[in-house]
């Protein structure tokens, strides 16, 4: 018994499998201005948003240990 599934022979494939051209990359709704909306959304993003632990990490790193108190 063969494992998995085999593709149908080329003559039995449907157009979506064999002959149809790929999508154009255009949106379905051409009445909206998707590119401008996407650009506006991208420009509103901060380039590197702060993470939830950034403030805590900065606080921990800023604490310095007195060299005379170091463990020996």
PDB file of N, CA and C in Angstrom:
ATOM      1  N   UNK A   1       0.851  -1.179   0.000  1.00  0.00           N
ATOM      2  CA  UNK A   1       0.000   0.000   0.000  1.00  0.00           C
ATOM      3  C   UNK A   1       0.897   1.244   0.000  1.00  0.00           C
ATOM      4  N   UNK A   2       0.755   2.144  -0.951  1.00  0.00           N
ATOM      5  CA  UNK A   2       1.635   3.327  -1.007  1.00  0.00           C
ATOM      6  C   UNK A   2       1.323   4.315   0.114  1.00  0.00           C
ATOM      7  N   UNK A   3       2.362   4.951   0.572  1.00  0.00           N
ATOM      8  CA  UNK A   3       2.234   5.967   1.616  1.00  0.00           C
ATOM      9  C   UNK A   3       1.902   7.311   0.979  1.00  0.00           C
ATOM     10  N   UNK A   4       1.085   8.104   1.634  1.00  0.00           N
ATOM     11  CA  UNK A   4       0.786   9.453   1.171  1.00  0.00           C
ATOM     12  C   UNK A   4      -0.099   9.463  -0.063  1.00  0.00           C
ATOM     13  N   UNK A   5      -0.201  10.632  -0.670  1.00  0.00           N
ATOM     14  CA  UNK A   5      -1.062  10.791  -1.839  1.00  0.00           C
ATOM     15  C   UNK A   5      -0.231  11.209  -3.030  1.00  0.00           C
ATOM     16  N   UNK A   6      -0.641  10.751  -4.176  1.00  0.00           N
ATOM     17  CA  UNK A   6       0.034  11.086  -5.421  1.00  0.00           C
ATOM     18  C   UNK A   6      -0.730  12.206  -6.129  1.00  0.00           C
ATOM     19  N   UNK A   7      -0.004  13.051  -6.830  1.00  0.00           N
ATOM     20  CA  UNK A   7      -0.661  14.057  -7.664  1.00  0.00           C
ATOM     21  C   UNK A   7      -1.267  13.363  -8.873  1.00  0.00           C
ATOM     22  N   UNK A   8      -2.379  13.879  -9.390  1.00  0.00           N
ATOM     23  CA  UNK A   8      -2.942  13.267 -10.599  1.00  0.00           C
ATOM     24  C   UNK A   8      -2.011  13.514 -11.784  1.00  0.00           C
ATOM     25  N   UNK A   9      -2.109  12.705 -12.822  1.00  0.00           N
ATOM     26  CA  UNK A   9      -1.273  12.947 -14.001  1.00  0.00           C
ATOM     27  C   UNK A   9      -1.614  14.315 -14.602  1.00  0.00           C
ATOM     28  N   UNK A  10      -0.680  14.939 -15.305  1.00  0.00           N
ATOM     29  CA  UNK A  10      -0.903  16.295 -15.832  1.00  0.00           C
ATOM     30  C   UNK A  10      -2.187  16.442 -16.635  1.00  0.00           C
ATOM     31  N   UNK A  11      -2.547  15.427 -17.403  1.00  0.00           N
ATOM     32  CA  UNK A  11      -3.757  15.556 -18.222  1.00  0.00           C
ATOM     33  C   UNK A  11      -5.028  15.531 -17.381  1.00  0.00           C
ATOM     34  N   UNK A  12      -4.930  15.057 -16.131  1.00  0.00           N
ATOM     35  CA  UNK A  12      -6.103  14.996 -15.262  1.00  0.00           C
ATOM     36  C   UNK A  12      -6.146  16.149 -14.252  1.00  0.00           C
ATOM     37  N   UNK A  13      -5.120  16.991 -14.250  1.00  0.00           N
ATOM     38  CA  UNK A  13      -5.090  18.093 -13.288  1.00  0.00           C
ATOM     39  C   UNK A  13      -6.059  19.188 -13.709  1.00  0.00           C
ATOM     40  N   UNK A  14      -6.606  19.868 -12.717  1.00  0.00           N
ATOM     41  CA  UNK A  14      -7.507  20.979 -13.012  1.00  0.00           C
ATOM     42  C   UNK A  14      -6.686  22.206 -13.372  1.00  0.00           C
ATOM     43  N   UNK A  15      -7.347  23.231 -13.884  1.00  0.00           N
ATOM     44  CA  UNK A  15      -6.656  24.456 -14.264  1.00  0.00           C
ATOM     45  C   UNK A  15      -5.926  25.093 -13.100  1.00  0.00           C
ATOM     46  N   UNK A  16      -6.503  25.010 -11.907  1.00  0.00           N
ATOM     47  CA  UNK A  16      -5.856  25.607 -10.745  1.00  0.00           C
ATOM     48  C   UNK A  16      -4.533  24.915 -10.450  1.00  0.00           C
ATOM     49  N   UNK A  17      -4.424  23.656 -10.818  1.00  0.00           N
ATOM     50  CA  UNK A  17      -3.198  22.919 -10.560  1.00  0.00           C
ATOM     51  C   UNK A  17      -2.176  23.090 -11.673  1.00  0.00           C
ATOM     52  N   UNK A  18      -2.634  23.281 -12.889  1.00  0.00           N
ATOM     53  CA  UNK A  18      -1.711  23.198 -14.013  1.00  0.00           C
ATOM     54  C   UNK A  18      -1.620  24.463 -14.861  1.00  0.00           C
ATOM     55  N   UNK A  19      -2.749  25.015 -15.293  1.00  0.00           N
ATOM     56  CA  UNK A  19      -2.696  26.033 -16.328  1.00  0.00           C
ATOM     57  C   UNK A  19      -3.042  27.440 -15.877  1.00  0.00           C
ATOM     58  N   UNK A  20      -3.694  27.597 -14.756  1.00  0.00           N
ATOM     59  CA  UNK A  20      -4.115  28.931 -14.340  1.00  0.00           C
ATOM     60  C   UNK A  20      -2.902  29.792 -14.007  1.00  0.00           C
ATOM     61  N   UNK A  21      -2.997  31.063 -14.352  1.00  0.00           N
ATOM     62  CA  UNK A  21      -1.906  31.977 -14.033  1.00  0.00           C
ATOM     63  C   UNK A  21      -1.961  32.320 -12.549  1.00  0.00           C
ATOM     64  N   UNK A  22      -0.825  32.642 -11.954  1.00  0.00           N
ATOM     65  CA  UNK A  22      -0.830  33.027 -10.540  1.00  0.00           C
ATOM     66  C   UNK A  22      -1.586  34.331 -10.324  1.00  0.00           C
ATOM     67  N   UNK A  23      -1.902  34.626  -9.097  1.00  0.00           N
ATOM     68  CA  UNK A  23      -2.602  35.860  -8.768  1.00  0.00           C
ATOM     69  C   UNK A  23      -1.782  37.078  -9.138  1.00  0.00           C
ATOM     70  N   UNK A  24      -2.458  38.203  -9.299  1.00  0.00           N
ATOM     71  CA  UNK A  24      -1.786  39.428  -9.709  1.00  0.00           C
ATOM     72  C   UNK A  24      -1.224  40.208  -8.532  1.00  0.00           C
ATOM     73  N   UNK A  25      -1.611  39.824  -7.310  1.00  0.00           N
ATOM     74  CA  UNK A  25      -1.149  40.557  -6.143  1.00  0.00           C
ATOM     75  C   UNK A  25      -1.992  41.771  -5.839  1.00  0.00           C
ATOM     76  N   UNK A  26      -3.039  41.980  -6.603  1.00  0.00           N
ATOM     77  CA  UNK A  26      -3.931  43.107  -6.364  1.00  0.00           C
ATOM     78  C   UNK A  26      -5.016  42.697  -5.378  1.00  0.00           C
ATOM     79  N   UNK A  27      -5.533  43.674  -4.677  1.00  0.00           N
ATOM     80  CA  UNK A  27      -6.588  43.375  -3.716  1.00  0.00           C
ATOM     81  C   UNK A  27      -7.887  43.057  -4.440  1.00  0.00           C
ATOM     82  N   UNK A  28      -8.778  42.420  -3.731  1.00  0.00           N
ATOM     83  CA  UNK A  28     -10.065  42.069  -4.312  1.00  0.00           C
ATOM     84  C   UNK A  28     -10.922  43.312  -4.494  1.00  0.00           C
ATOM     85  N   UNK A  29     -10.903  44.203  -3.518  1.00  0.00           N
ATOM     86  CA  UNK A  29     -11.722  45.406  -3.571  1.00  0.00           C
ATOM     87  C   UNK A  29     -10.880  46.552  -4.124  1.00  0.00           C
ATOM     88  N   UNK A  30     -11.105  46.893  -5.372  1.00  0.00           N
ATOM     89  CA  UNK A  30     -10.303  47.942  -5.999  1.00  0.00           C
ATOM     90  C   UNK A  30     -10.813  49.344  -5.681  1.00  0.00           C
ATOM     91  N   UNK A  31     -11.949  49.447  -4.970  1.00  0.00           N
ATOM     92  CA  UNK A  31     -12.511  50.750  -4.637  1.00  0.00           C
ATOM     93  C   UNK A  31     -11.803  51.405  -3.457  1.00  0.00           C
ATOM     94  N   UNK A  32     -11.042  50.650  -2.696  1.00  0.00           N
ATOM     95  CA  UNK A  32     -10.353  51.225  -1.541  1.00  0.00           C
ATOM     96  C   UNK A  32      -8.918  51.558  -1.906  1.00  0.00           C
ATOM     97  N   UNK A  33      -8.313  52.403  -1.122  1.00  0.00           N
ATOM     98  CA  UNK A  33      -6.938  52.825  -1.352  1.00  0.00           C
ATOM     99  C   UNK A  33      -6.037  52.079  -0.366  1.00  0.00           C
ATOM    100  N   UNK A  34      -5.877  50.772  -0.583  1.00  0.00           N
ATOM    101  CA  UNK A  34      -5.167  49.926   0.365  1.00  0.00           C
ATOM    102  C   UNK A  34      -3.702  50.305   0.534  1.00  0.00           C
ATOM    103  N   UNK A  35      -3.030  50.668  -0.543  1.00  0.00           N
ATOM    104  CA  UNK A  35      -1.612  50.993  -0.424  1.00  0.00           C
ATOM    105  C   UNK A  35      -1.402  52.222   0.452  1.00  0.00           C
ATOM    106  N   UNK A  36      -2.212  53.243   0.270  1.00  0.00           N
ATOM    107  CA  UNK A  36      -2.076  54.453   1.079  1.00  0.00           C
ATOM    108  C   UNK A  36      -2.423  54.162   2.533  1.00  0.00           C
ATOM    109  N   UNK A  37      -3.457  53.344   2.752  1.00  0.00           N
ATOM    110  CA  UNK A  37      -3.835  52.997   4.123  1.00  0.00           C
ATOM    111  C   UNK A  37      -2.720  52.207   4.800  1.00  0.00           C
ATOM    112  N   UNK A  38      -2.116  51.279   4.083  1.00  0.00           N
ATOM    113  CA  UNK A  38      -1.019  50.492   4.644  1.00  0.00           C
ATOM    114  C   UNK A  38       0.177  51.383   4.964  1.00  0.00           C
ATOM    115  N   UNK A  39       0.466  52.320   4.063  1.00  0.00           N
ATOM    116  CA  UNK A  39       1.594  53.219   4.288  1.00  0.00           C
ATOM    117  C   UNK A  39       1.343  54.081   5.521  1.00  0.00           C
ATOM    118  N   UNK A  40       0.119  54.581   5.673  1.00  0.00           N
ATOM    119  CA  UNK A  40      -0.215  55.384   6.850  1.00  0.00           C
ATOM    120  C   UNK A  40      -0.047  54.573   8.127  1.00  0.00           C
ATOM    121  N   UNK A  41      -0.479  53.323   8.095  1.00  0.00           N
ATOM    122  CA  UNK A  41      -0.352  52.472   9.278  1.00  0.00           C
ATOM    123  C   UNK A  41       1.111  52.186   9.588  1.00  0.00           C
ATOM    124  N   UNK A  42       1.919  51.924   8.567  1.00  0.00           N
ATOM    125  CA  UNK A  42       3.347  51.649   8.789  1.00  0.00           C
ATOM    126  C   UNK A  42       4.054  52.868   9.365  1.00  0.00           C
ATOM    127  N   UNK A  43       3.710  54.052   8.855  1.00  0.00           N
ATOM    128  CA  UNK A  43       4.369  55.263   9.332  1.00  0.00           C
ATOM    129  C   UNK A  43       3.985  55.585  10.765  1.00  0.00           C
ATOM    130  N   UNK A  44       2.820  55.110  11.213  1.00  0.00           N
ATOM    131  CA  UNK A  44       2.384  55.368  12.580  1.00  0.00           C
ATOM    132  C   UNK A  44       3.076  54.450  13.582  1.00  0.00           C
ATOM    133  N   UNK A  45       3.704  53.388  13.097  1.00  0.00           N
ATOM    134  CA  UNK A  45       4.389  52.467  14.007  1.00  0.00           C
ATOM    135  C   UNK A  45       5.704  53.073  14.476  1.00  0.00           C
ATOM    136  N   UNK A  46       6.047  52.823  15.730  1.00  0.00           N
ATOM    137  CA  UNK A  46       7.368  53.246  16.184  1.00  0.00           C
ATOM    138  C   UNK A  46       8.372  52.231  15.662  1.00  0.00           C
ATOM    139  N   UNK A  47       9.575  52.665  15.364  1.00  0.00           N
ATOM    140  CA  UNK A  47      10.538  51.781  14.724  1.00  0.00           C
ATOM    141  C   UNK A  47      10.982  50.656  15.644  1.00  0.00           C
ATOM    142  N   UNK A  48      11.064  50.909  16.912  1.00  0.00           N
ATOM    143  CA  UNK A  48      11.491  49.877  17.842  1.00  0.00           C
ATOM    144  C   UNK A  48      10.739  50.075  19.147  1.00  0.00           C
ATOM    145  N   UNK A  49       9.537  49.544  19.261  1.00  0.00           N
ATOM    146  CA  UNK A  49       8.747  49.760  20.473  1.00  0.00           C
ATOM    147  C   UNK A  49       9.419  49.128  21.690  1.00  0.00           C
ATOM    148  N   UNK A  50       9.184  49.721  22.844  1.00  0.00           N
ATOM    149  CA  UNK A  50       9.779  49.186  24.064  1.00  0.00           C
ATOM    150  C   UNK A  50       9.031  47.940  24.483  1.00  0.00           C
ATOM    151  N   UNK A  51       9.763  46.994  24.994  1.00  0.00           N
ATOM    152  CA  UNK A  51       9.175  45.750  25.460  1.00  0.00           C
ATOM    153  C   UNK A  51       8.678  45.888  26.878  1.00  0.00           C
ATOM    154  N   UNK A  52       7.940  44.903  27.364  1.00  0.00           N
ATOM    155  CA  UNK A  52       7.357  44.996  28.701  1.00  0.00           C
ATOM    156  C   UNK A  52       8.398  44.982  29.822  1.00  0.00           C
ATOM    157  N   UNK A  53       9.575  44.446  29.570  1.00  0.00           N
ATOM    158  CA  UNK A  53      10.588  44.364  30.630  1.00  0.00           C
ATOM    159  C   UNK A  53      11.767  45.302  30.397  1.00  0.00           C
ATOM    160  N   UNK A  54      11.694  46.167  29.387  1.00  0.00           N
ATOM    161  CA  UNK A  54      12.813  47.061  29.102  1.00  0.00           C
ATOM    162  C   UNK A  54      13.130  47.986  30.267  1.00  0.00           C
ATOM    163  N   UNK A  55      12.112  48.571  30.889  1.00  0.00           N
ATOM    164  CA  UNK A  55      12.341  49.493  32.007  1.00  0.00           C
ATOM    165  C   UNK A  55      12.971  48.746  33.179  1.00  0.00           C
ATOM    166  N   UNK A  56      12.485  47.549  33.469  1.00  0.00           N
ATOM    167  CA  UNK A  56      13.033  46.764  34.578  1.00  0.00           C
ATOM    168  C   UNK A  56      14.485  46.369  34.292  1.00  0.00           C
ATOM    169  N   UNK A  57      14.770  45.951  33.070  1.00  0.00           N
ATOM    170  CA  UNK A  57      16.134  45.564  32.717  1.00  0.00           C
ATOM    171  C   UNK A  57      17.078  46.752  32.842  1.00  0.00           C
ATOM    172  N   UNK A  58      16.633  47.912  32.416  1.00  0.00           N
ATOM    173  CA  UNK A  58      17.470  49.109  32.518  1.00  0.00           C
ATOM    174  C   UNK A  58      17.743  49.437  33.983  1.00  0.00           C
ATOM    175  N   UNK A  59      16.724  49.285  34.825  1.00  0.00           N
ATOM    176  CA  UNK A  59      16.877  49.549  36.255  1.00  0.00           C
ATOM    177  C   UNK A  59      17.870  48.575  36.886  1.00  0.00           C
ATOM    178  N   UNK A  60      17.769  47.312  36.548  1.00  0.00           N
ATOM    179  CA  UNK A  60      18.657  46.299  37.119  1.00  0.00           C
ATOM    180  C   UNK A  60      20.091  46.535  36.676  1.00  0.00           C
ATOM    181  N   UNK A  61      20.288  46.853  35.408  1.00  0.00           N
ATOM    182  CA  UNK A  61      21.634  47.061  34.891  1.00  0.00           C
ATOM    183  C   UNK A  61      22.247  48.336  35.457  1.00  0.00           C
ATOM    184  N   UNK A  62      21.415  49.331  35.740  1.00  0.00           N
ATOM    185  CA  UNK A  62      21.948  50.599  36.231  1.00  0.00           C
ATOM    186  C   UNK A  62      22.446  50.496  37.665  1.00  0.00           C
ATOM    187  N   UNK A  63      22.005  49.489  38.399  1.00  0.00           N
ATOM    188  CA  UNK A  63      22.485  49.307  39.769  1.00  0.00           C
ATOM    189  C   UNK A  63      23.925  48.817  39.703  1.00  0.00           C
ATOM    190  N   UNK A  64      24.792  49.527  40.374  1.00  0.00           N
ATOM    191  CA  UNK A  64      26.198  49.118  40.360  1.00  0.00           C
ATOM    192  C   UNK A  64      26.589  48.596  41.722  1.00  0.00           C
ATOM    193  N   UNK A  65      27.526  47.702  41.710  1.00  0.00           N
ATOM    194  CA  UNK A  65      27.994  47.112  42.951  1.00  0.00           C
ATOM    195  C   UNK A  65      29.301  47.789  43.331  1.00  0.00           C
ATOM    196  N   UNK A  66      29.440  48.123  44.593  1.00  0.00           N
ATOM    197  CA  UNK A  66      30.672  48.733  45.085  1.00  0.00           C
ATOM    198  C   UNK A  66      31.782  47.683  44.987  1.00  0.00           C
ATOM    199  N   UNK A  67      32.893  47.983  44.309  1.00  0.00           N
ATOM    200  CA  UNK A  67      33.963  46.993  44.134  1.00  0.00           C
ATOM    201  C   UNK A  67      34.512  46.464  45.466  1.00  0.00           C
ATOM    202  N   UNK A  68      34.443  47.266  46.509  1.00  0.00           N
ATOM    203  CA  UNK A  68      34.975  46.809  47.796  1.00  0.00           C
ATOM    204  C   UNK A  68      34.065  45.764  48.436  1.00  0.00           C
ATOM    205  N   UNK A  69      32.812  45.661  47.969  1.00  0.00           N
ATOM    206  CA  UNK A  69      31.881  44.696  48.529  1.00  0.00           C
ATOM    207  C   UNK A  69      31.869  43.385  47.751  1.00  0.00           C
ATOM    208  N   UNK A  70      32.718  43.250  46.756  1.00  0.00           N
ATOM    209  CA  UNK A  70      32.719  42.063  45.908  1.00  0.00           C
ATOM    210  C   UNK A  70      33.017  40.801  46.695  1.00  0.00           C
ATOM    211  N   UNK A  71      32.492  39.683  46.226  1.00  0.00           N
ATOM    212  CA  UNK A  71      32.744  38.412  46.913  1.00  0.00           C
ATOM    213  C   UNK A  71      34.140  37.924  46.570  1.00  0.00           C
ATOM    214  N   UNK A  72      34.759  37.313  47.556  1.00  0.00           N
ATOM    215  CA  UNK A  72      36.119  36.807  47.363  1.00  0.00           C
ATOM    216  C   UNK A  72      36.164  35.338  47.586  1.00  0.00           C
TER     217      UNK A  72
END
